[in-house]
């Protein structure tokens, strides 16, 4: 898969007619992403923490640096969880009862990074293709995008089944998947989009791709 993606991206880069324009758009995109993350990390969180706890949140952040390093290197909340719990209990003196209840729950439910990143990616891609984004479309992206991702993540561990799954959920597949209850890629996509937006997209990957090329952002 990585080799295939590299080759595909190389071909697409060769086909670009104005790479300087694309690079400029990417620069604005990454600048917006980092500015948004910085605002959340250095303005929103400290303000909420101070209003509720009446303490300096940067001291707490300093105490959980080991967990932040592991999170940055692994991009895995599950892998970071034990270190986060240890830092909060030993360095920030959080009750073990609270730590063991709140942190595992937050690991799966509290995803501000995904909630901010995916809508920005959707808006960026739409603007690259010259699509006009209305206020209603923006609300649909912001509200529906994270829901689609969450629905897909909820099926982690479900077996792959060729031809299996639909907007209703996992099911027996066809051919090689006839004896396995699960999803194939397009089946999972149809399920996640339905759970996130309430809309039923095409079942087959080719049809999903064809619809996605010409449909409105709020639908795709």
Protein backbone atom coordinates (compact mmCIF):
# COMPACT_ATOMS: atom_id res chain seq x y z
CA UNK A 1 0.00 0.00 0.00
CA UNK A 2 2.69 2.64 0.82
CA UNK A 3 4.54 1.87 -2.44
CA UNK A 4 1.29 2.08 -4.41
CA UNK A 5 0.36 5.41 -2.82
CA UNK A 6 3.85 6.78 -3.51
CA UNK A 7 3.61 5.81 -7.18
CA UNK A 8 0.12 7.27 -7.49
CA UNK A 9 1.18 10.56 -5.88
CA UNK A 10 4.24 10.71 -8.15
CA UNK A 11 2.06 10.34 -11.25
CA UNK A 12 -0.36 13.00 -10.02
CA UNK A 13 2.53 15.37 -9.25
CA UNK A 14 3.89 14.95 -12.79
CA UNK A 15 0.45 15.76 -14.22
CA UNK A 16 0.15 19.04 -12.28
CA UNK A 17 -0.05 22.07 -14.57
CA UNK A 18 0.69 24.70 -11.91
CA UNK A 19 2.58 23.17 -8.96
CA UNK A 20 3.40 26.58 -7.50
CA UNK A 21 -0.34 27.27 -7.11
CA UNK A 22 -0.90 23.93 -5.37
CA UNK A 23 2.07 24.54 -3.05
CA UNK A 24 0.69 27.96 -2.19
CA UNK A 25 -2.70 26.48 -1.36
CA UNK A 26 -1.05 23.79 0.76
CA UNK A 27 0.89 26.49 2.60
CA UNK A 28 -2.32 28.30 3.49
CA UNK A 29 -3.92 25.01 4.50
CA UNK A 30 -1.12 23.95 6.85
CA UNK A 31 -0.95 27.47 8.26
CA UNK A 32 -4.66 27.32 9.04
CA UNK A 33 -4.32 23.89 10.63
CA UNK A 34 -1.42 24.92 12.89
CA UNK A 35 -3.14 28.18 13.81
CA UNK A 36 -6.30 26.30 14.78
CA UNK A 37 -4.41 23.74 16.85
CA UNK A 38 -2.40 26.50 18.51
CA UNK A 39 -5.57 28.39 19.40
CA UNK A 40 -7.07 25.27 20.96
CA UNK A 41 -3.90 24.34 22.87
CA UNK A 42 -2.74 27.77 24.05
CA UNK A 43 -6.00 29.75 24.33
CA UNK A 44 -9.12 27.57 24.58
CA UNK A 45 -7.83 24.84 26.92
CA UNK A 46 -5.95 27.18 29.30
CA UNK A 47 -8.99 29.44 29.58
CA UNK A 48 -11.39 26.58 30.36
CA UNK A 49 -8.91 25.03 32.80
CA UNK A 50 -8.39 28.31 34.65
CA UNK A 51 -12.11 29.09 34.86
CA UNK A 52 -12.91 25.67 36.35
CA UNK A 53 -9.78 24.68 38.31
CA UNK A 54 -8.33 28.15 38.98
CA UNK A 55 -4.79 26.91 38.33
CA UNK A 56 -2.15 27.23 35.63
CA UNK A 57 -2.72 24.50 33.05
CA UNK A 58 0.80 24.83 31.60
CA UNK A 59 2.20 23.26 34.77
CA UNK A 60 -0.08 20.27 34.24
CA UNK A 61 0.97 20.08 30.59
CA UNK A 62 4.63 20.08 31.64
CA UNK A 63 3.96 17.14 33.95
CA UNK A 64 2.49 15.03 31.14
CA UNK A 65 5.28 15.62 28.60
CA UNK A 66 6.16 11.86 28.51
CA UNK A 67 2.60 11.08 27.41
CA UNK A 68 2.71 13.85 24.81
CA UNK A 69 5.94 12.48 23.35
CA UNK A 70 4.46 9.00 23.01
CA UNK A 71 1.27 10.42 21.50
CA UNK A 72 3.27 12.42 18.97
CA UNK A 73 5.43 9.44 18.02
CA UNK A 74 2.71 6.79 17.87
CA UNK A 75 -0.45 8.74 16.92
CA UNK A 76 -2.29 6.26 19.13
CA UNK A 77 -4.49 7.25 22.07
CA UNK A 78 -4.69 3.64 23.23
CA UNK A 79 -0.91 3.28 23.34
CA UNK A 80 -0.57 6.58 25.20
CA UNK A 81 -3.28 5.86 27.78
CA UNK A 82 -1.18 3.96 30.38
CA UNK A 83 1.50 6.68 30.39
CA UNK A 84 -1.15 9.41 30.60
CA UNK A 85 -2.76 7.73 33.60
CA UNK A 86 0.61 7.35 35.31
CA UNK A 87 1.52 11.01 34.74
CA UNK A 88 -1.85 12.27 35.95
CA UNK A 89 -1.83 10.13 39.08
CA UNK A 90 1.82 10.52 40.11
CA UNK A 91 2.69 14.05 38.94
CA UNK A 92 -0.66 15.85 38.92
CA UNK A 93 -2.04 13.94 41.93
CA UNK A 94 -5.29 12.99 40.24
CA UNK A 95 -7.42 10.45 42.07
CA UNK A 96 -6.92 6.93 40.73
CA UNK A 97 -10.68 6.41 40.66
CA UNK A 98 -11.20 9.51 38.53
CA UNK A 99 -8.21 8.69 36.32
CA UNK A 100 -9.34 5.14 35.57
CA UNK A 101 -12.87 6.28 34.75
CA UNK A 102 -12.35 9.55 32.86
CA UNK A 103 -9.20 8.92 30.81
CA UNK A 104 -10.30 5.70 29.03
CA UNK A 105 -13.64 7.37 28.29
CA UNK A 106 -11.95 10.48 26.93
CA UNK A 107 -9.62 8.34 24.81
CA UNK A 108 -12.54 7.26 22.61
CA UNK A 109 -14.91 10.24 22.89
CA UNK A 110 -12.66 13.30 23.09
CA UNK A 111 -11.20 13.77 19.60
CA UNK A 112 -10.82 17.53 19.03
CA UNK A 113 -8.00 16.97 16.55
CA UNK A 114 -10.14 14.91 14.19
CA UNK A 115 -13.14 17.18 14.75
CA UNK A 116 -11.17 20.19 13.52
CA UNK A 117 -8.88 18.57 10.94
CA UNK A 118 -11.36 16.65 8.76
CA UNK A 119 -13.72 19.59 8.12
CA UNK A 120 -10.71 21.72 7.17
CA UNK A 121 -9.49 19.04 4.75
CA UNK A 122 -12.95 18.81 3.18
CA UNK A 123 -13.16 22.58 2.75
CA UNK A 124 -9.63 22.70 1.34
CA UNK A 125 -10.30 19.99 -1.26
CA UNK A 126 -13.60 21.59 -2.25
CA UNK A 127 -11.99 25.00 -2.73
CA UNK A 128 -9.14 23.45 -4.73
CA UNK A 129 -11.73 22.19 -7.21
CA UNK A 130 -13.46 25.57 -7.38
CA UNK A 131 -16.58 24.57 -5.49
CA UNK A 132 -18.57 27.29 -3.73
CA UNK A 133 -19.02 26.46 -0.06
CA UNK A 134 -22.23 27.83 1.44
CA UNK A 135 -22.91 28.25 5.14
CA UNK A 136 -25.22 25.21 5.10
CA UNK A 137 -22.50 23.07 3.51
CA UNK A 138 -19.99 24.23 6.12
CA UNK A 139 -22.32 23.21 8.96
CA UNK A 140 -22.89 19.84 7.29
CA UNK A 141 -19.15 19.23 6.99
CA UNK A 142 -18.36 20.33 10.55
CA UNK A 143 -21.15 18.24 12.06
CA UNK A 144 -21.13 15.25 9.72
CA UNK A 145 -17.41 14.73 9.10
CA UNK A 146 -16.41 13.74 12.66
CA UNK A 147 -19.54 11.58 12.94
CA UNK A 148 -18.53 9.64 9.83
CA UNK A 149 -15.03 9.08 11.22
CA UNK A 150 -16.41 8.01 14.60
CA UNK A 151 -18.79 5.54 12.95
CA UNK A 152 -15.92 3.99 10.99
CA UNK A 153 -13.68 3.83 14.08
CA UNK A 154 -16.44 2.07 16.01
CA UNK A 155 -16.04 -0.93 13.69
CA UNK A 156 -12.34 -1.47 14.41
CA UNK A 157 -11.82 -5.18 14.95
CA UNK A 158 -14.72 -6.27 12.73
CA UNK A 159 -13.47 -8.87 10.21
CA UNK A 160 -12.99 -8.04 6.54
CA UNK A 161 -15.61 -9.75 4.41
CA UNK A 162 -15.58 -9.50 0.62
CA UNK A 163 -18.91 -7.96 -0.40
CA UNK A 164 -20.01 -7.74 3.22
CA UNK A 165 -21.74 -4.89 4.99
CA UNK A 166 -24.09 -2.12 3.96
CA UNK A 167 -25.64 1.02 5.40
CA UNK A 168 -27.54 -1.27 7.78
CA UNK A 169 -24.35 -2.72 9.31
CA UNK A 170 -22.08 -5.72 8.96
CA UNK A 171 -23.30 -8.82 7.14
CA UNK A 172 -22.19 -11.98 5.35
CA UNK A 173 -20.26 -11.26 2.18
CA UNK A 174 -20.11 -12.99 -1.16
CA UNK A 175 -17.51 -15.27 -2.73
CA UNK A 176 -14.55 -15.43 -0.36
CA UNK A 177 -16.57 -13.57 2.28
CA UNK A 178 -19.63 -15.81 2.14
CA UNK A 179 -18.87 -17.34 5.54
CA UNK A 180 -17.68 -14.17 7.32
CA UNK A 181 -19.79 -11.44 8.90
CA UNK A 182 -18.08 -8.10 8.42
CA UNK A 183 -17.40 -5.26 6.00
CA UNK A 184 -15.42 -4.69 2.87
CA UNK A 185 -14.07 -1.19 2.19
CA UNK A 186 -17.03 0.21 0.26
CA UNK A 187 -19.49 -1.42 2.65
CA UNK A 188 -17.81 0.27 5.61
CA UNK A 189 -17.83 3.58 3.75
CA UNK A 190 -21.56 3.28 3.06
CA UNK A 191 -22.24 2.40 6.70
CA UNK A 192 -20.12 5.24 8.11
CA UNK A 193 -21.64 7.88 5.83
CA UNK A 194 -25.15 6.74 6.71
CA UNK A 195 -24.42 6.84 10.44
CA UNK A 196 -22.77 10.24 10.16
CA UNK A 197 -25.16 12.03 7.82
CA UNK A 198 -28.25 9.86 7.42
CA UNK A 199 -27.67 9.62 3.66
CA UNK A 200 -27.30 6.36 1.73
CA UNK A 201 -24.52 6.48 -0.84
CA UNK A 202 -23.78 3.91 -3.55
CA UNK A 203 -22.67 0.47 -2.35
CA UNK A 204 -19.91 -0.29 -4.89
CA UNK A 205 -16.59 1.60 -4.77
CA UNK A 206 -16.65 2.58 -8.47
CA UNK A 207 -20.14 4.05 -8.10
CA UNK A 208 -19.11 5.88 -4.92
CA UNK A 209 -16.16 7.40 -6.75
CA UNK A 210 -18.31 8.42 -9.73
CA UNK A 211 -20.89 10.07 -7.49
CA UNK A 212 -18.24 11.77 -5.41
CA UNK A 213 -16.74 13.47 -8.46
CA UNK A 214 -19.90 15.38 -9.29
CA UNK A 215 -22.03 15.49 -6.16
CA UNK A 216 -22.36 18.37 -3.75
CA UNK A 217 -20.00 18.55 -0.79
CA UNK A 218 -22.85 18.30 1.69
CA UNK A 219 -23.88 14.98 0.13
CA UNK A 220 -20.48 13.41 -0.52
